[in-house]
Amino acid sequence: FGNQHRGCGHFVVSYYSGVTMDCKRPDCKLSSAHKHTALSCGCPSVWHDHRRVQNLIQEPCDNCKEAALAARVTRRW
């Protein structure tokens, strides 16, 4: 769950729902359809959270605002 900022396009996570989804891919280490039985296989173990937008905010996120301000006030010699 989090906020979607339309000003910069970033999604800022507020908290994780804890609900995970199984991708059912044989090359994913966390999937129930994983093809290897060894614990040391080279398959990626990437975990994806289901994004759910709580608020749609029209301005940029705080990090982008800080970066824009820093770019404006920095001295250029």
PDB file of N, CA and C in Angstrom:
ATOM      1  N   PHE A   1       0.839  -1.170   0.000  1.00  0.00           N
ATOM      2  CA  PHE A   1       0.000   0.000   0.000  1.00  0.00           C
ATOM      3  C   PHE A   1       0.883   1.232   0.000  1.00  0.00           C
ATOM      4  N   GLY A   2       0.474   2.262  -0.723  1.00  0.00           N
ATOM      5  CA  GLY A   2       1.295   3.457  -0.748  1.00  0.00           C
ATOM      6  C   GLY A   2       0.683   4.569  -1.563  1.00  0.00           C
ATOM      7  N   ASN A   3       1.484   5.595  -1.808  1.00  0.00           N
ATOM      8  CA  ASN A   3       1.050   6.791  -2.519  1.00  0.00           C
ATOM      9  C   ASN A   3       1.690   6.835  -3.900  1.00  0.00           C
ATOM     10  N   GLN A   4       0.888   7.127  -4.910  1.00  0.00           N
ATOM     11  CA  GLN A   4       1.374   7.307  -6.278  1.00  0.00           C
ATOM     12  C   GLN A   4       1.489   8.802  -6.533  1.00  0.00           C
ATOM     13  N   HIS A   5       2.684   9.256  -6.919  1.00  0.00           N
ATOM     14  CA  HIS A   5       2.924  10.675  -7.181  1.00  0.00           C
ATOM     15  C   HIS A   5       2.936  10.888  -8.687  1.00  0.00           C
ATOM     16  N   ARG A   6       1.986  11.671  -9.174  1.00  0.00           N
ATOM     17  CA  ARG A   6       1.909  11.929 -10.611  1.00  0.00           C
ATOM     18  C   ARG A   6       2.936  12.953 -11.064  1.00  0.00           C
ATOM     19  N   GLY A   7       3.427  13.773 -10.149  1.00  0.00           N
ATOM     20  CA  GLY A   7       4.407  14.794 -10.512  1.00  0.00           C
ATOM     21  C   GLY A   7       5.732  14.212 -10.965  1.00  0.00           C
ATOM     22  N   CYS A   8       6.106  13.065 -10.406  1.00  0.00           N
ATOM     23  CA  CYS A   8       7.383  12.442 -10.773  1.00  0.00           C
ATOM     24  C   CYS A   8       7.217  10.982 -11.201  1.00  0.00           C
ATOM     25  N   GLY A   9       6.058  10.384 -10.941  1.00  0.00           N
ATOM     26  CA  GLY A   9       5.813   9.008 -11.346  1.00  0.00           C
ATOM     27  C   GLY A   9       6.250   7.968 -10.338  1.00  0.00           C
ATOM     28  N   HIS A  10       6.724   8.382  -9.172  1.00  0.00           N
ATOM     29  CA  HIS A  10       7.193   7.428  -8.167  1.00  0.00           C
ATOM     30  C   HIS A  10       6.050   6.879  -7.320  1.00  0.00           C
ATOM     31  N   PHE A  11       6.226   5.638  -6.883  1.00  0.00           N
ATOM     32  CA  PHE A  11       5.311   4.996  -5.945  1.00  0.00           C
ATOM     33  C   PHE A  11       6.038   4.896  -4.616  1.00  0.00           C
ATOM     34  N   VAL A  12       5.503   5.536  -3.580  1.00  0.00           N
ATOM     35  CA  VAL A  12       6.130   5.554  -2.256  1.00  0.00           C
ATOM     36  C   VAL A  12       5.349   4.613  -1.351  1.00  0.00           C
ATOM     37  N   VAL A  13       6.028   3.573  -0.863  1.00  0.00           N
ATOM     38  CA  VAL A  13       5.384   2.542  -0.048  1.00  0.00           C
ATOM     39  C   VAL A  13       5.122   3.080   1.352  1.00  0.00           C
ATOM     40  N   SER A  14       3.882   2.933   1.816  1.00  0.00           N
ATOM     41  CA  SER A  14       3.528   3.291   3.193  1.00  0.00           C
ATOM     42  C   SER A  14       3.726   2.090   4.102  1.00  0.00           C
ATOM     43  N   TYR A  15       3.198   0.949   3.685  1.00  0.00           N
ATOM     44  CA  TYR A  15       3.381  -0.295   4.435  1.00  0.00           C
ATOM     45  C   TYR A  15       3.113  -1.466   3.504  1.00  0.00           C
ATOM     46  N   TYR A  16       3.597  -2.627   3.893  1.00  0.00           N
ATOM     47  CA  TYR A  16       3.411  -3.841   3.110  1.00  0.00           C
ATOM     48  C   TYR A  16       2.188  -4.589   3.614  1.00  0.00           C
ATOM     49  N   SER A  17       1.422  -5.118   2.693  1.00  0.00           N
ATOM     50  CA  SER A  17       0.189  -5.818   3.056  1.00  0.00           C
ATOM     51  C   SER A  17       0.469  -7.197   3.639  1.00  0.00           C
ATOM     52  N   GLY A  18       1.585  -7.788   3.272  1.00  0.00           N
ATOM     53  CA  GLY A  18       1.893  -9.135   3.732  1.00  0.00           C
ATOM     54  C   GLY A  18       1.301 -10.202   2.834  1.00  0.00           C
ATOM     55  N   VAL A  19       0.470  -9.814   1.892  1.00  0.00           N
ATOM     56  CA  VAL A  19      -0.130 -10.751   0.952  1.00  0.00           C
ATOM     57  C   VAL A  19       0.850 -10.952  -0.195  1.00  0.00           C
ATOM     58  N   THR A  20       1.288 -12.183  -0.385  1.00  0.00           N
ATOM     59  CA  THR A  20       2.198 -12.485  -1.480  1.00  0.00           C
ATOM     60  C   THR A  20       1.454 -13.280  -2.546  1.00  0.00           C
ATOM     61  N   MET A  21       1.912 -13.143  -3.771  1.00  0.00           N
ATOM     62  CA  MET A  21       1.287 -13.835  -4.891  1.00  0.00           C
ATOM     63  C   MET A  21       2.314 -14.780  -5.504  1.00  0.00           C
ATOM     64  N   ASP A  22       1.902 -15.969  -5.833  1.00  0.00           N
ATOM     65  CA  ASP A  22       2.781 -16.958  -6.445  1.00  0.00           C
ATOM     66  C   ASP A  22       2.776 -16.743  -7.952  1.00  0.00           C
ATOM     67  N   CYS A  23       3.960 -16.575  -8.535  1.00  0.00           N
ATOM     68  CA  CYS A  23       4.054 -16.317  -9.973  1.00  0.00           C
ATOM     69  C   CYS A  23       3.951 -17.593 -10.802  1.00  0.00           C
ATOM     70  N   LYS A  24       4.110 -18.755 -10.168  1.00  0.00           N
ATOM     71  CA  LYS A  24       4.002 -20.069 -10.831  1.00  0.00           C
ATOM     72  C   LYS A  24       5.029 -20.252 -11.942  1.00  0.00           C
ATOM     73  N   ARG A  25       6.165 -19.555 -11.859  1.00  0.00           N
ATOM     74  CA  ARG A  25       7.208 -19.706 -12.870  1.00  0.00           C
ATOM     75  C   ARG A  25       8.219 -20.738 -12.409  1.00  0.00           C
ATOM     76  N   PRO A  26       8.677 -21.626 -13.284  1.00  0.00           N
ATOM     77  CA  PRO A  26       9.639 -22.655 -12.887  1.00  0.00           C
ATOM     78  C   PRO A  26      11.047 -22.111 -12.627  1.00  0.00           C
ATOM     79  N   ASP A  27      11.359 -20.903 -13.106  1.00  0.00           N
ATOM     80  CA  ASP A  27      12.695 -20.344 -12.892  1.00  0.00           C
ATOM     81  C   ASP A  27      12.749 -19.355 -11.731  1.00  0.00           C
ATOM     82  N   CYS A  28      11.699 -19.293 -10.922  1.00  0.00           N
ATOM     83  CA  CYS A  28      11.651 -18.418  -9.751  1.00  0.00           C
ATOM     84  C   CYS A  28      11.843 -19.253  -8.488  1.00  0.00           C
ATOM     85  N   LYS A  29      12.809 -18.881  -7.666  1.00  0.00           N
ATOM     86  CA  LYS A  29      13.154 -19.661  -6.482  1.00  0.00           C
ATOM     87  C   LYS A  29      12.032 -19.684  -5.440  1.00  0.00           C
ATOM     88  N   LEU A  30      11.209 -18.653  -5.376  1.00  0.00           N
ATOM     89  CA  LEU A  30      10.153 -18.558  -4.372  1.00  0.00           C
ATOM     90  C   LEU A  30       8.820 -19.135  -4.838  1.00  0.00           C
ATOM     91  N   SER A  31       8.746 -19.590  -6.084  1.00  0.00           N
ATOM     92  CA  SER A  31       7.500 -20.107  -6.640  1.00  0.00           C
ATOM     93  C   SER A  31       7.244 -21.546  -6.202  1.00  0.00           C
ATOM     94  N   SER A  32       5.976 -21.917  -6.161  1.00  0.00           N
ATOM     95  CA  SER A  32       5.633 -23.307  -5.842  1.00  0.00           C
ATOM     96  C   SER A  32       5.947 -24.232  -7.014  1.00  0.00           C
ATOM     97  N   ALA A  33       6.123 -23.673  -8.216  1.00  0.00           N
ATOM     98  CA  ALA A  33       6.447 -24.455  -9.405  1.00  0.00           C
ATOM     99  C   ALA A  33       7.951 -24.466  -9.687  1.00  0.00           C
ATOM    100  N   HIS A  34       8.779 -24.191  -8.688  1.00  0.00           N
ATOM    101  CA  HIS A  34      10.229 -24.145  -8.871  1.00  0.00           C
ATOM    102  C   HIS A  34      10.748 -25.509  -9.317  1.00  0.00           C
ATOM    103  N   LYS A  35      11.598 -25.535 -10.350  1.00  0.00           N
ATOM    104  CA  LYS A  35      12.017 -26.794 -10.961  1.00  0.00           C
ATOM    105  C   LYS A  35      13.201 -27.456 -10.266  1.00  0.00           C
ATOM    106  N   HIS A  36      13.979 -26.745  -9.457  1.00  0.00           N
ATOM    107  CA  HIS A  36      15.145 -27.320  -8.795  1.00  0.00           C
ATOM    108  C   HIS A  36      14.811 -27.718  -7.358  1.00  0.00           C
ATOM    109  N   THR A  37      15.465 -28.758  -6.890  1.00  0.00           N
ATOM    110  CA  THR A  37      15.263 -29.178  -5.502  1.00  0.00           C
ATOM    111  C   THR A  37      16.431 -28.782  -4.607  1.00  0.00           C
ATOM    112  N   ALA A  38      17.574 -28.474  -5.196  1.00  0.00           N
ATOM    113  CA  ALA A  38      18.745 -28.083  -4.408  1.00  0.00           C
ATOM    114  C   ALA A  38      18.569 -26.668  -3.860  1.00  0.00           C
ATOM    115  N   LEU A  39      19.063 -26.426  -2.667  1.00  0.00           N
ATOM    116  CA  LEU A  39      18.953 -25.104  -2.060  1.00  0.00           C
ATOM    117  C   LEU A  39      19.916 -24.098  -2.674  1.00  0.00           C
ATOM    118  N   SER A  40      20.971 -24.593  -3.327  1.00  0.00           N
ATOM    119  CA  SER A  40      21.986 -23.700  -3.879  1.00  0.00           C
ATOM    120  C   SER A  40      21.825 -23.483  -5.384  1.00  0.00           C
ATOM    121  N   CYS A  41      20.614 -23.516  -5.897  1.00  0.00           N
ATOM    122  CA  CYS A  41      20.422 -23.289  -7.338  1.00  0.00           C
ATOM    123  C   CYS A  41      20.591 -21.800  -7.638  1.00  0.00           C
ATOM    124  N   GLY A  42      20.806 -21.475  -8.891  1.00  0.00           N
ATOM    125  CA  GLY A  42      21.072 -20.096  -9.278  1.00  0.00           C
ATOM    126  C   GLY A  42      19.848 -19.306  -9.687  1.00  0.00           C
ATOM    127  N   CYS A  43      18.676 -19.820  -9.398  1.00  0.00           N
ATOM    128  CA  CYS A  43      17.449 -19.105  -9.764  1.00  0.00           C
ATOM    129  C   CYS A  43      17.290 -17.850  -8.903  1.00  0.00           C
ATOM    130  N   PRO A  44      16.793 -16.759  -9.499  1.00  0.00           N
ATOM    131  CA  PRO A  44      16.608 -15.532  -8.718  1.00  0.00           C
ATOM    132  C   PRO A  44      15.465 -15.673  -7.714  1.00  0.00           C
ATOM    133  N   SER A  45      15.653 -15.067  -6.562  1.00  0.00           N
ATOM    134  CA  SER A  45      14.603 -15.084  -5.541  1.00  0.00           C
ATOM    135  C   SER A  45      14.096 -13.658  -5.340  1.00  0.00           C
ATOM    136  N   VAL A  46      13.371 -13.180  -6.316  1.00  0.00           N
ATOM    137  CA  VAL A  46      12.844 -11.822  -6.286  1.00  0.00           C
ATOM    138  C   VAL A  46      11.421 -11.867  -5.761  1.00  0.00           C
ATOM    139  N   TRP A  47      11.159 -11.082  -4.724  1.00  0.00           N
ATOM    140  CA  TRP A  47       9.848 -11.053  -4.109  1.00  0.00           C
ATOM    141  C   TRP A  47       9.118  -9.794  -4.553  1.00  0.00           C
ATOM    142  N   HIS A  48       7.901  -9.936  -5.030  1.00  0.00           N
ATOM    143  CA  HIS A  48       7.107  -8.799  -5.490  1.00  0.00           C
ATOM    144  C   HIS A  48       5.899  -8.623  -4.594  1.00  0.00           C
ATOM    145  N   ASP A  49       5.656  -7.401  -4.186  1.00  0.00           N
ATOM    146  CA  ASP A  49       4.476  -7.076  -3.401  1.00  0.00           C
ATOM    147  C   ASP A  49       3.424  -6.501  -4.339  1.00  0.00           C
ATOM    148  N   HIS A  50       2.189  -6.834  -4.091  1.00  0.00           N
ATOM    149  CA  HIS A  50       1.097  -6.298  -4.898  1.00  0.00           C
ATOM    150  C   HIS A  50       0.901  -4.833  -4.528  1.00  0.00           C
ATOM    151  N   ARG A  51       1.157  -3.932  -5.483  1.00  0.00           N
ATOM    152  CA  ARG A  51       1.030  -2.499  -5.215  1.00  0.00           C
ATOM    153  C   ARG A  51      -0.441  -2.093  -5.206  1.00  0.00           C
ATOM    154  N   ARG A  52      -0.790  -1.375  -4.172  1.00  0.00           N
ATOM    155  CA  ARG A  52      -2.150  -0.866  -4.080  1.00  0.00           C
ATOM    156  C   ARG A  52      -2.061   0.614  -3.734  1.00  0.00           C
ATOM    157  N   VAL A  53      -2.630   1.452  -4.588  1.00  0.00           N
ATOM    158  CA  VAL A  53      -2.542   2.899  -4.425  1.00  0.00           C
ATOM    159  C   VAL A  53      -3.588   3.356  -3.418  1.00  0.00           C
ATOM    160  N   GLN A  54      -3.127   4.013  -2.347  1.00  0.00           N
ATOM    161  CA  GLN A  54      -4.037   4.598  -1.372  1.00  0.00           C
ATOM    162  C   GLN A  54      -4.394   6.020  -1.766  1.00  0.00           C
ATOM    163  N   ASN A  55      -3.389   6.785  -2.167  1.00  0.00           N
ATOM    164  CA  ASN A  55      -3.588   8.195  -2.509  1.00  0.00           C
ATOM    165  C   ASN A  55      -2.908   8.491  -3.836  1.00  0.00           C
ATOM    166  N   LEU A  56      -3.562   9.270  -4.668  1.00  0.00           N
ATOM    167  CA  LEU A  56      -2.982   9.742  -5.920  1.00  0.00           C
ATOM    168  C   LEU A  56      -2.657  11.214  -5.727  1.00  0.00           C
ATOM    169  N   ILE A  57      -1.371  11.512  -5.612  1.00  0.00           N
ATOM    170  CA  ILE A  57      -0.914  12.861  -5.286  1.00  0.00           C
ATOM    171  C   ILE A  57      -0.391  13.511  -6.559  1.00  0.00           C
ATOM    172  N   GLN A  58      -0.803  14.751  -6.819  1.00  0.00           N
ATOM    173  CA  GLN A  58      -0.490  15.428  -8.072  1.00  0.00           C
ATOM    174  C   GLN A  58       0.918  16.017  -8.108  1.00  0.00           C
ATOM    175  N   GLU A  59       1.578  16.170  -6.978  1.00  0.00           N
ATOM    176  CA  GLU A  59       2.908  16.781  -6.950  1.00  0.00           C
ATOM    177  C   GLU A  59       3.999  15.726  -6.785  1.00  0.00           C
ATOM    178  N   PRO A  60       5.263  16.092  -7.024  1.00  0.00           N
ATOM    179  CA  PRO A  60       6.367  15.131  -6.884  1.00  0.00           C
ATOM    180  C   PRO A  60       6.544  14.658  -5.444  1.00  0.00           C
ATOM    181  N   CYS A  61       7.216  13.521  -5.284  1.00  0.00           N
ATOM    182  CA  CYS A  61       7.481  12.981  -3.947  1.00  0.00           C
ATOM    183  C   CYS A  61       8.525  13.848  -3.237  1.00  0.00           C
ATOM    184  N   ASP A  62       8.702  13.622  -1.946  1.00  0.00           N
ATOM    185  CA  ASP A  62       9.613  14.444  -1.139  1.00  0.00           C
ATOM    186  C   ASP A  62      11.054  14.358  -1.625  1.00  0.00           C
ATOM    187  N   ASN A  63      11.509  13.169  -2.022  1.00  0.00           N
ATOM    188  CA  ASN A  63      12.890  13.023  -2.504  1.00  0.00           C
ATOM    189  C   ASN A  63      13.122  13.824  -3.780  1.00  0.00           C
ATOM    190  N   CYS A  64      12.145  13.831  -4.680  1.00  0.00           N
ATOM    191  CA  CYS A  64      12.288  14.592  -5.925  1.00  0.00           C
ATOM    192  C   CYS A  64      12.224  16.095  -5.657  1.00  0.00           C
ATOM    193  N   LYS A  65      11.409  16.509  -4.689  1.00  0.00           N
ATOM    194  CA  LYS A  65      11.360  17.929  -4.320  1.00  0.00           C
ATOM    195  C   LYS A  65      12.697  18.382  -3.747  1.00  0.00           C
ATOM    196  N   GLU A  66      13.298  17.556  -2.887  1.00  0.00           N
ATOM    197  CA  GLU A  66      14.597  17.897  -2.305  1.00  0.00           C
ATOM    198  C   GLU A  66      15.682  17.961  -3.373  1.00  0.00           C
ATOM    199  N   ALA A  67      15.654  17.041  -4.322  1.00  0.00           N
ATOM    200  CA  ALA A  67      16.651  17.037  -5.399  1.00  0.00           C
ATOM    201  C   ALA A  67      16.495  18.269  -6.286  1.00  0.00           C
ATOM    202  N   ALA A  68      15.258  18.675  -6.560  1.00  0.00           N
ATOM    203  CA  ALA A  68      15.021  19.858  -7.383  1.00  0.00           C
ATOM    204  C   ALA A  68      15.482  21.118  -6.659  1.00  0.00           C
ATOM    205  N   LEU A  69      15.225  21.194  -5.357  1.00  0.00           N
ATOM    206  CA  LEU A  69      15.664  22.352  -4.575  1.00  0.00           C
ATOM    207  C   LEU A  69      17.186  22.408  -4.515  1.00  0.00           C
ATOM    208  N   ALA A  70      17.826  21.276  -4.302  1.00  0.00           N
ATOM    209  CA  ALA A  70      19.292  21.239  -4.248  1.00  0.00           C
ATOM    210  C   ALA A  70      19.898  21.645  -5.586  1.00  0.00           C
ATOM    211  N   ALA A  71      19.260  21.273  -6.677  1.00  0.00           N
ATOM    212  CA  ALA A  71      19.771  21.637  -7.999  1.00  0.00           C
ATOM    213  C   ALA A  71      19.621  23.139  -8.249  1.00  0.00           C
ATOM    214  N   ARG A  72      18.581  23.747  -7.676  1.00  0.00           N
ATOM    215  CA  ARG A  72      18.362  25.184  -7.880  1.00  0.00           C
ATOM    216  C   ARG A  72      19.297  26.045  -7.040  1.00  0.00           C
ATOM    217  N   VAL A  73      19.586  25.618  -5.816  1.00  0.00           N
ATOM    218  CA  VAL A  73      20.354  26.478  -4.915  1.00  0.00           C
ATOM    219  C   VAL A  73      21.853  26.192  -4.928  1.00  0.00           C
ATOM    220  N   THR A  74      22.304  25.206  -5.681  1.00  0.00           N
ATOM    221  CA  THR A  74      23.732  24.893  -5.725  1.00  0.00           C
ATOM    222  C   THR A  74      24.452  25.952  -6.546  1.00  0.00           C
ATOM    223  N   ARG A  75      25.603  26.331  -6.045  1.00  0.00           N
ATOM    224  CA  ARG A  75      26.395  27.321  -6.782  1.00  0.00           C
ATOM    225  C   ARG A  75      27.060  26.663  -7.975  1.00  0.00           C
ATOM    226  N   ARG A  76      27.046  27.375  -9.069  1.00  0.00           N
ATOM    227  CA  ARG A  76      27.721  26.906 -10.285  1.00  0.00           C
ATOM    228  C   ARG A  76      28.779  27.931 -10.661  1.00  0.00           C
ATOM    229  N   TRP A  77      30.023  27.575 -10.536  1.00  0.00           N
ATOM    230  CA  TRP A  77      31.116  28.490 -10.843  1.00  0.00           C
ATOM    231  C   TRP A  77      31.614  28.258 -12.209  1.00  0.00           C
TER     232      TRP A  77
END
